N, C-alpha and C. Protein backbone atom coordinates (compact mmCIF):
# COMPACT_ATOMS: atom_id res chain seq x y z
N MET A 1 -0.15 -13.64 37.10
CA MET A 1 0.76 -12.57 36.75
C MET A 1 0.04 -11.24 36.92
N VAL A 2 0.70 -10.31 37.54
CA VAL A 2 0.14 -8.99 37.77
C VAL A 2 0.93 -7.98 36.97
N ILE A 3 0.23 -7.16 36.20
CA ILE A 3 0.91 -6.10 35.47
C ILE A 3 1.23 -4.99 36.46
N GLN A 4 2.52 -4.73 36.65
CA GLN A 4 2.93 -3.76 37.65
C GLN A 4 3.23 -2.40 37.06
N ARG A 5 3.23 -2.31 35.76
CA ARG A 5 3.54 -1.03 35.14
C ARG A 5 2.33 -0.54 34.35
N LEU A 6 1.89 0.65 34.67
CA LEU A 6 0.73 1.23 33.99
C LEU A 6 1.00 1.39 32.49
N GLN A 7 2.25 1.73 32.15
CA GLN A 7 2.55 1.96 30.73
C GLN A 7 2.42 0.68 29.90
N SER A 8 2.66 -0.47 30.48
CA SER A 8 2.47 -1.72 29.75
C SER A 8 0.99 -1.92 29.42
N LEU A 9 0.14 -1.62 30.37
CA LEU A 9 -1.29 -1.72 30.14
C LEU A 9 -1.76 -0.69 29.10
N LEU A 10 -1.21 0.52 29.17
CA LEU A 10 -1.58 1.55 28.20
C LEU A 10 -1.12 1.18 26.79
N LEU A 11 0.08 0.61 26.68
CA LEU A 11 0.56 0.19 25.37
C LEU A 11 -0.29 -0.94 24.81
N LEU A 12 -0.70 -1.88 25.68
CA LEU A 12 -1.56 -2.97 25.24
C LEU A 12 -2.92 -2.45 24.79
N LEU A 13 -3.46 -1.48 25.51
CA LEU A 13 -4.72 -0.86 25.13
C LEU A 13 -4.60 -0.16 23.78
N THR A 14 -3.47 0.51 23.55
CA THR A 14 -3.25 1.18 22.28
C THR A 14 -3.14 0.18 21.14
N VAL A 15 -2.47 -0.94 21.37
CA VAL A 15 -2.38 -2.00 20.36
C VAL A 15 -3.78 -2.49 20.00
N ALA A 16 -4.60 -2.72 21.01
CA ALA A 16 -5.97 -3.20 20.76
C ALA A 16 -6.77 -2.18 19.96
N MET A 17 -6.65 -0.91 20.31
CA MET A 17 -7.42 0.12 19.59
C MET A 17 -6.96 0.27 18.15
N MET A 18 -5.65 0.20 17.91
CA MET A 18 -5.16 0.32 16.54
C MET A 18 -5.56 -0.89 15.70
N THR A 19 -5.66 -2.05 16.32
CA THR A 19 -6.10 -3.25 15.60
C THR A 19 -7.59 -3.16 15.27
N VAL A 20 -8.38 -2.71 16.22
CA VAL A 20 -9.83 -2.58 15.99
C VAL A 20 -10.10 -1.48 14.96
N ALA A 21 -9.25 -0.46 14.91
CA ALA A 21 -9.44 0.63 13.96
C ALA A 21 -9.38 0.14 12.51
N LEU A 22 -8.71 -0.96 12.28
CA LEU A 22 -8.66 -1.52 10.92
C LEU A 22 -10.04 -1.95 10.43
N PHE A 23 -10.91 -2.33 11.35
CA PHE A 23 -12.20 -2.92 10.98
C PHE A 23 -13.37 -1.97 11.15
N LEU A 24 -13.11 -0.74 11.57
CA LEU A 24 -14.18 0.25 11.70
C LEU A 24 -14.08 1.27 10.57
N PRO A 25 -15.21 1.80 10.13
CA PRO A 25 -15.17 2.76 9.03
C PRO A 25 -14.56 4.10 9.44
N VAL A 26 -13.82 4.67 8.50
CA VAL A 26 -13.24 6.00 8.70
C VAL A 26 -14.22 7.05 8.19
N ALA A 27 -14.90 6.73 7.09
CA ALA A 27 -15.83 7.67 6.47
C ALA A 27 -16.87 6.86 5.68
N THR A 28 -17.90 7.59 5.23
CA THR A 28 -18.88 6.98 4.34
C THR A 28 -19.01 7.87 3.11
N ASP A 29 -19.08 7.23 1.95
CA ASP A 29 -19.24 7.96 0.70
C ASP A 29 -20.50 7.44 0.03
N GLN A 30 -21.57 8.23 0.06
CA GLN A 30 -22.86 7.88 -0.51
C GLN A 30 -23.37 6.55 0.06
N GLY A 31 -23.26 6.39 1.36
CA GLY A 31 -23.76 5.21 2.05
C GLY A 31 -22.79 4.04 2.09
N THR A 32 -21.69 4.12 1.36
CA THR A 32 -20.69 3.05 1.35
C THR A 32 -19.59 3.37 2.37
N PRO A 33 -19.36 2.47 3.33
CA PRO A 33 -18.31 2.75 4.32
C PRO A 33 -16.91 2.63 3.70
N ILE A 34 -16.02 3.49 4.18
CA ILE A 34 -14.62 3.48 3.74
C ILE A 34 -13.79 3.09 4.96
N PHE A 35 -12.95 2.07 4.79
CA PHE A 35 -12.13 1.56 5.88
C PHE A 35 -10.66 1.89 5.63
N ILE A 36 -9.85 1.77 6.68
CA ILE A 36 -8.41 1.95 6.53
C ILE A 36 -7.85 0.88 5.60
N THR A 37 -8.47 -0.30 5.61
CA THR A 37 -7.99 -1.39 4.75
C THR A 37 -8.19 -1.10 3.26
N ASP A 38 -8.98 -0.08 2.93
CA ASP A 38 -9.15 0.31 1.53
C ASP A 38 -7.92 1.04 1.00
N PHE A 39 -7.03 1.46 1.88
CA PHE A 39 -5.81 2.17 1.52
C PHE A 39 -4.62 1.31 1.97
N PRO A 40 -3.98 0.60 1.06
CA PRO A 40 -2.93 -0.35 1.44
C PRO A 40 -1.78 0.27 2.24
N VAL A 41 -1.41 1.48 1.91
CA VAL A 41 -0.30 2.12 2.64
C VAL A 41 -0.70 2.38 4.09
N LEU A 42 -1.89 2.92 4.29
CA LEU A 42 -2.35 3.19 5.65
C LEU A 42 -2.54 1.91 6.45
N MET A 43 -3.04 0.87 5.78
CA MET A 43 -3.23 -0.41 6.46
C MET A 43 -1.88 -0.98 6.90
N THR A 44 -0.88 -0.89 6.04
CA THR A 44 0.45 -1.39 6.38
C THR A 44 1.05 -0.62 7.54
N VAL A 45 0.91 0.69 7.53
CA VAL A 45 1.44 1.50 8.62
C VAL A 45 0.69 1.21 9.92
N ASP A 46 -0.61 0.99 9.84
CA ASP A 46 -1.40 0.66 11.03
C ASP A 46 -0.93 -0.67 11.64
N ILE A 47 -0.72 -1.65 10.80
CA ILE A 47 -0.22 -2.95 11.28
C ILE A 47 1.18 -2.79 11.87
N LEU A 48 2.02 -1.98 11.23
CA LEU A 48 3.37 -1.73 11.73
C LEU A 48 3.33 -1.06 13.10
N VAL A 49 2.43 -0.10 13.27
CA VAL A 49 2.29 0.57 14.57
C VAL A 49 1.86 -0.43 15.64
N SER A 50 0.90 -1.28 15.30
CA SER A 50 0.45 -2.29 16.27
C SER A 50 1.58 -3.22 16.67
N LEU A 51 2.37 -3.64 15.70
CA LEU A 51 3.50 -4.53 16.00
C LEU A 51 4.57 -3.81 16.83
N LEU A 52 4.87 -2.57 16.47
CA LEU A 52 5.87 -1.80 17.23
C LEU A 52 5.45 -1.62 18.68
N LEU A 53 4.20 -1.26 18.88
CA LEU A 53 3.73 -1.07 20.25
C LEU A 53 3.70 -2.37 21.03
N PHE A 54 3.34 -3.46 20.35
CA PHE A 54 3.33 -4.76 21.03
C PHE A 54 4.75 -5.17 21.43
N ILE A 55 5.71 -4.95 20.55
CA ILE A 55 7.10 -5.22 20.88
C ILE A 55 7.58 -4.29 21.99
N GLY A 56 7.11 -3.04 21.95
CA GLY A 56 7.48 -2.06 22.96
C GLY A 56 7.07 -2.46 24.37
N ILE A 57 6.01 -3.24 24.50
CA ILE A 57 5.58 -3.70 25.81
C ILE A 57 6.68 -4.53 26.47
N PHE A 58 7.39 -5.32 25.69
CA PHE A 58 8.39 -6.22 26.23
C PHE A 58 9.79 -5.60 26.31
N LEU A 59 9.91 -4.33 26.00
CA LEU A 59 11.19 -3.64 26.09
C LEU A 59 11.37 -2.92 27.42
N PHE A 60 10.72 -3.40 28.48
CA PHE A 60 10.75 -2.71 29.76
C PHE A 60 12.13 -2.70 30.40
N LYS A 61 13.04 -3.56 29.95
CA LYS A 61 14.39 -3.56 30.52
C LYS A 61 15.28 -2.53 29.84
N ASN A 62 14.88 -2.05 28.69
CA ASN A 62 15.62 -1.02 27.97
C ASN A 62 14.68 0.17 27.77
N LEU A 63 14.62 1.05 28.76
CA LEU A 63 13.64 2.13 28.74
C LEU A 63 13.89 3.13 27.62
N ARG A 64 15.14 3.38 27.27
CA ARG A 64 15.41 4.32 26.17
C ARG A 64 14.84 3.81 24.85
N LEU A 65 15.05 2.53 24.59
CA LEU A 65 14.51 1.94 23.37
C LEU A 65 12.99 1.91 23.41
N GLN A 66 12.41 1.62 24.57
CA GLN A 66 10.96 1.61 24.71
C GLN A 66 10.40 3.02 24.46
N MET A 67 11.10 4.04 24.95
CA MET A 67 10.65 5.41 24.71
C MET A 67 10.70 5.74 23.22
N ARG A 68 11.78 5.34 22.54
CA ARG A 68 11.90 5.62 21.11
C ARG A 68 10.81 4.92 20.30
N VAL A 69 10.58 3.66 20.62
CA VAL A 69 9.55 2.89 19.90
C VAL A 69 8.18 3.52 20.10
N THR A 70 7.90 3.94 21.32
CA THR A 70 6.60 4.56 21.61
C THR A 70 6.47 5.90 20.89
N LEU A 71 7.54 6.69 20.88
CA LEU A 71 7.49 7.99 20.20
C LEU A 71 7.32 7.83 18.70
N VAL A 72 8.03 6.88 18.10
CA VAL A 72 7.88 6.61 16.67
C VAL A 72 6.45 6.16 16.37
N SER A 73 5.89 5.35 17.25
CA SER A 73 4.52 4.88 17.05
C SER A 73 3.51 6.03 17.12
N ILE A 74 3.72 6.96 18.04
CA ILE A 74 2.84 8.13 18.13
C ILE A 74 2.91 8.93 16.84
N LEU A 75 4.12 9.14 16.33
CA LEU A 75 4.27 9.89 15.08
C LEU A 75 3.63 9.15 13.90
N LEU A 76 3.73 7.83 13.89
CA LEU A 76 3.11 7.06 12.81
C LEU A 76 1.59 7.08 12.89
N ILE A 77 1.04 7.09 14.10
CA ILE A 77 -0.41 7.20 14.24
C ILE A 77 -0.88 8.54 13.69
N CYS A 78 -0.14 9.60 14.00
CA CYS A 78 -0.47 10.92 13.44
C CYS A 78 -0.35 10.92 11.92
N ALA A 79 0.66 10.21 11.40
CA ALA A 79 0.83 10.11 9.95
C ALA A 79 -0.34 9.37 9.30
N ILE A 80 -0.84 8.35 9.98
CA ILE A 80 -2.02 7.62 9.47
C ILE A 80 -3.21 8.56 9.39
N ALA A 81 -3.42 9.36 10.42
CA ALA A 81 -4.55 10.28 10.45
C ALA A 81 -4.42 11.33 9.34
N ILE A 82 -3.25 11.88 9.18
CA ILE A 82 -3.03 12.90 8.15
C ILE A 82 -3.13 12.28 6.76
N GLY A 83 -2.53 11.09 6.59
CA GLY A 83 -2.61 10.41 5.31
C GLY A 83 -4.03 10.02 4.95
N GLY A 84 -4.80 9.56 5.94
CA GLY A 84 -6.20 9.22 5.69
C GLY A 84 -7.01 10.43 5.29
N ALA A 85 -6.77 11.55 5.95
CA ALA A 85 -7.47 12.79 5.59
C ALA A 85 -7.11 13.21 4.17
N PHE A 86 -5.84 13.08 3.81
CA PHE A 86 -5.42 13.44 2.46
C PHE A 86 -6.05 12.52 1.42
N TYR A 87 -6.03 11.20 1.67
CA TYR A 87 -6.66 10.26 0.74
C TYR A 87 -8.15 10.54 0.57
N LEU A 88 -8.82 10.85 1.66
CA LEU A 88 -10.26 11.15 1.57
C LEU A 88 -10.50 12.45 0.84
N TRP A 89 -9.66 13.42 1.08
CA TRP A 89 -9.83 14.72 0.42
C TRP A 89 -9.61 14.61 -1.08
N ARG A 90 -8.61 13.80 -1.47
CA ARG A 90 -8.31 13.65 -2.90
C ARG A 90 -9.21 12.62 -3.59
N GLY A 91 -9.49 11.51 -2.94
CA GLY A 91 -10.19 10.40 -3.59
C GLY A 91 -11.70 10.46 -3.47
N ALA A 92 -12.19 10.95 -2.36
CA ALA A 92 -13.64 10.99 -2.13
C ALA A 92 -13.99 12.30 -1.42
N PRO A 93 -14.01 13.41 -2.17
CA PRO A 93 -14.24 14.71 -1.53
C PRO A 93 -15.63 14.86 -0.92
N ASP A 94 -16.59 14.04 -1.35
CA ASP A 94 -17.95 14.13 -0.80
C ASP A 94 -18.17 13.21 0.40
N ALA A 95 -17.13 12.50 0.83
CA ALA A 95 -17.27 11.54 1.92
C ALA A 95 -17.46 12.26 3.26
N GLU A 96 -18.28 11.65 4.09
CA GLU A 96 -18.50 12.16 5.44
C GLU A 96 -17.65 11.35 6.42
N ILE A 97 -16.91 12.04 7.26
CA ILE A 97 -16.04 11.37 8.22
C ILE A 97 -16.88 10.78 9.35
N GLU A 98 -16.58 9.53 9.70
CA GLU A 98 -17.24 8.86 10.83
C GLU A 98 -16.41 9.16 12.08
N TYR A 99 -16.88 10.09 12.89
CA TYR A 99 -16.11 10.50 14.05
C TYR A 99 -16.12 9.46 15.17
N PHE A 100 -17.09 8.56 15.19
CA PHE A 100 -17.17 7.57 16.25
C PHE A 100 -16.68 6.20 15.79
N GLY A 101 -15.89 6.16 14.74
CA GLY A 101 -15.32 4.91 14.25
C GLY A 101 -13.82 4.90 14.50
N ALA A 102 -13.09 4.64 13.43
CA ALA A 102 -11.64 4.56 13.53
C ALA A 102 -11.01 5.90 13.88
N THR A 103 -11.66 6.99 13.52
CA THR A 103 -11.12 8.32 13.82
C THR A 103 -11.00 8.53 15.32
N LEU A 104 -12.04 8.19 16.05
CA LEU A 104 -12.01 8.34 17.51
C LEU A 104 -10.97 7.41 18.13
N LEU A 105 -10.87 6.20 17.61
CA LEU A 105 -9.88 5.26 18.15
C LEU A 105 -8.45 5.75 17.93
N MET A 106 -8.20 6.39 16.79
CA MET A 106 -6.85 6.92 16.55
C MET A 106 -6.53 8.08 17.48
N ILE A 107 -7.51 8.93 17.73
CA ILE A 107 -7.30 10.05 18.65
C ILE A 107 -7.02 9.52 20.05
N VAL A 108 -7.82 8.56 20.50
CA VAL A 108 -7.61 7.98 21.83
C VAL A 108 -6.29 7.21 21.88
N SER A 109 -5.90 6.59 20.77
CA SER A 109 -4.62 5.87 20.71
C SER A 109 -3.44 6.81 20.89
N VAL A 110 -3.52 7.98 20.27
CA VAL A 110 -2.44 8.97 20.46
C VAL A 110 -2.38 9.39 21.92
N ILE A 111 -3.53 9.57 22.53
CA ILE A 111 -3.57 10.00 23.94
C ILE A 111 -3.00 8.92 24.85
N THR A 112 -3.41 7.66 24.66
CA THR A 112 -2.92 6.60 25.54
C THR A 112 -1.43 6.32 25.30
N ALA A 113 -0.99 6.38 24.06
CA ALA A 113 0.43 6.18 23.78
C ALA A 113 1.27 7.32 24.36
N SER A 114 0.75 8.54 24.30
CA SER A 114 1.46 9.67 24.90
C SER A 114 1.53 9.54 26.42
N TRP A 115 0.46 9.07 27.00
CA TRP A 115 0.44 8.85 28.45
C TRP A 115 1.45 7.75 28.82
N ALA A 116 1.49 6.68 28.03
CA ALA A 116 2.47 5.62 28.27
C ALA A 116 3.89 6.16 28.13
N TYR A 117 4.11 7.01 27.13
CA TYR A 117 5.44 7.61 26.94
C TYR A 117 5.84 8.43 28.16
N SER A 118 4.91 9.20 28.68
CA SER A 118 5.26 10.02 29.86
C SER A 118 5.55 9.14 31.07
N ARG A 119 4.84 8.03 31.22
CA ARG A 119 5.12 7.10 32.33
C ARG A 119 6.47 6.41 32.16
N ILE A 120 6.82 6.05 30.92
CA ILE A 120 8.13 5.45 30.66
C ILE A 120 9.23 6.46 30.98
N ARG A 121 9.03 7.70 30.55
CA ARG A 121 10.02 8.75 30.83
C ARG A 121 10.16 8.97 32.32
N HIS A 122 9.06 8.91 33.06
CA HIS A 122 9.10 9.06 34.51
C HIS A 122 9.92 7.94 35.13
N ASP A 123 9.71 6.70 34.69
CA ASP A 123 10.49 5.58 35.20
C ASP A 123 11.98 5.74 34.87
N HIS A 124 12.26 6.22 33.67
CA HIS A 124 13.65 6.42 33.25
C HIS A 124 14.33 7.46 34.14
N ARG A 125 13.66 8.54 34.40
CA ARG A 125 14.21 9.58 35.29
C ARG A 125 14.40 9.05 36.71
N LEU A 126 13.46 8.26 37.17
CA LEU A 126 13.55 7.69 38.51
C LEU A 126 14.76 6.75 38.63
N LEU A 127 14.98 5.94 37.63
CA LEU A 127 16.13 5.05 37.63
C LEU A 127 17.46 5.82 37.55
N ARG A 128 17.48 6.87 36.74
CA ARG A 128 18.71 7.68 36.65
C ARG A 128 19.02 8.36 37.99
N SER A 129 17.99 8.85 38.67
CA SER A 129 18.25 9.50 39.96
C SER A 129 18.68 8.48 41.01
N ALA A 130 18.15 7.27 40.93
CA ALA A 130 18.59 6.22 41.86
C ALA A 130 20.03 5.81 41.59
N ASP A 131 20.44 5.80 40.31
CA ASP A 131 21.82 5.48 39.97
C ASP A 131 22.77 6.56 40.47
N ARG A 132 22.34 7.79 40.47
CA ARG A 132 23.20 8.88 40.98
C ARG A 132 23.42 8.76 42.47
N LEU A 133 22.44 8.24 43.18
CA LEU A 133 22.57 8.11 44.63
C LEU A 133 23.53 7.00 45.02
N ARG A 134 23.73 6.03 44.15
CA ARG A 134 24.64 4.92 44.49
C ARG A 134 26.01 5.37 44.41
């Protein structure tokens, strides 16, 4: 089987990065690593994003729904980042953020999901223009 759509590969890469982000530290507080799994709400949203993006891979026949799922996932990834920053600011103000852990993966996940969204939108526009020609 050959993956013929770049956005499917990008969505799969984003799923992998969001899953790995669960197991990498977000920050350290006095030598103790802090993970996303230490915050149940953020962990649940992270798992939800991974599931949404994985389901989004198989929605290639319904591009509008695939675009919506991808856009919601991008917004939820941003919400995880903002929520994590808020939790760290309120719960552990002396914590140092680990920029090469889950933080970097979330930033790259937003970029790859946005790139996948733009490719899905491009395919949608291409199909609409082909339908107009018929």
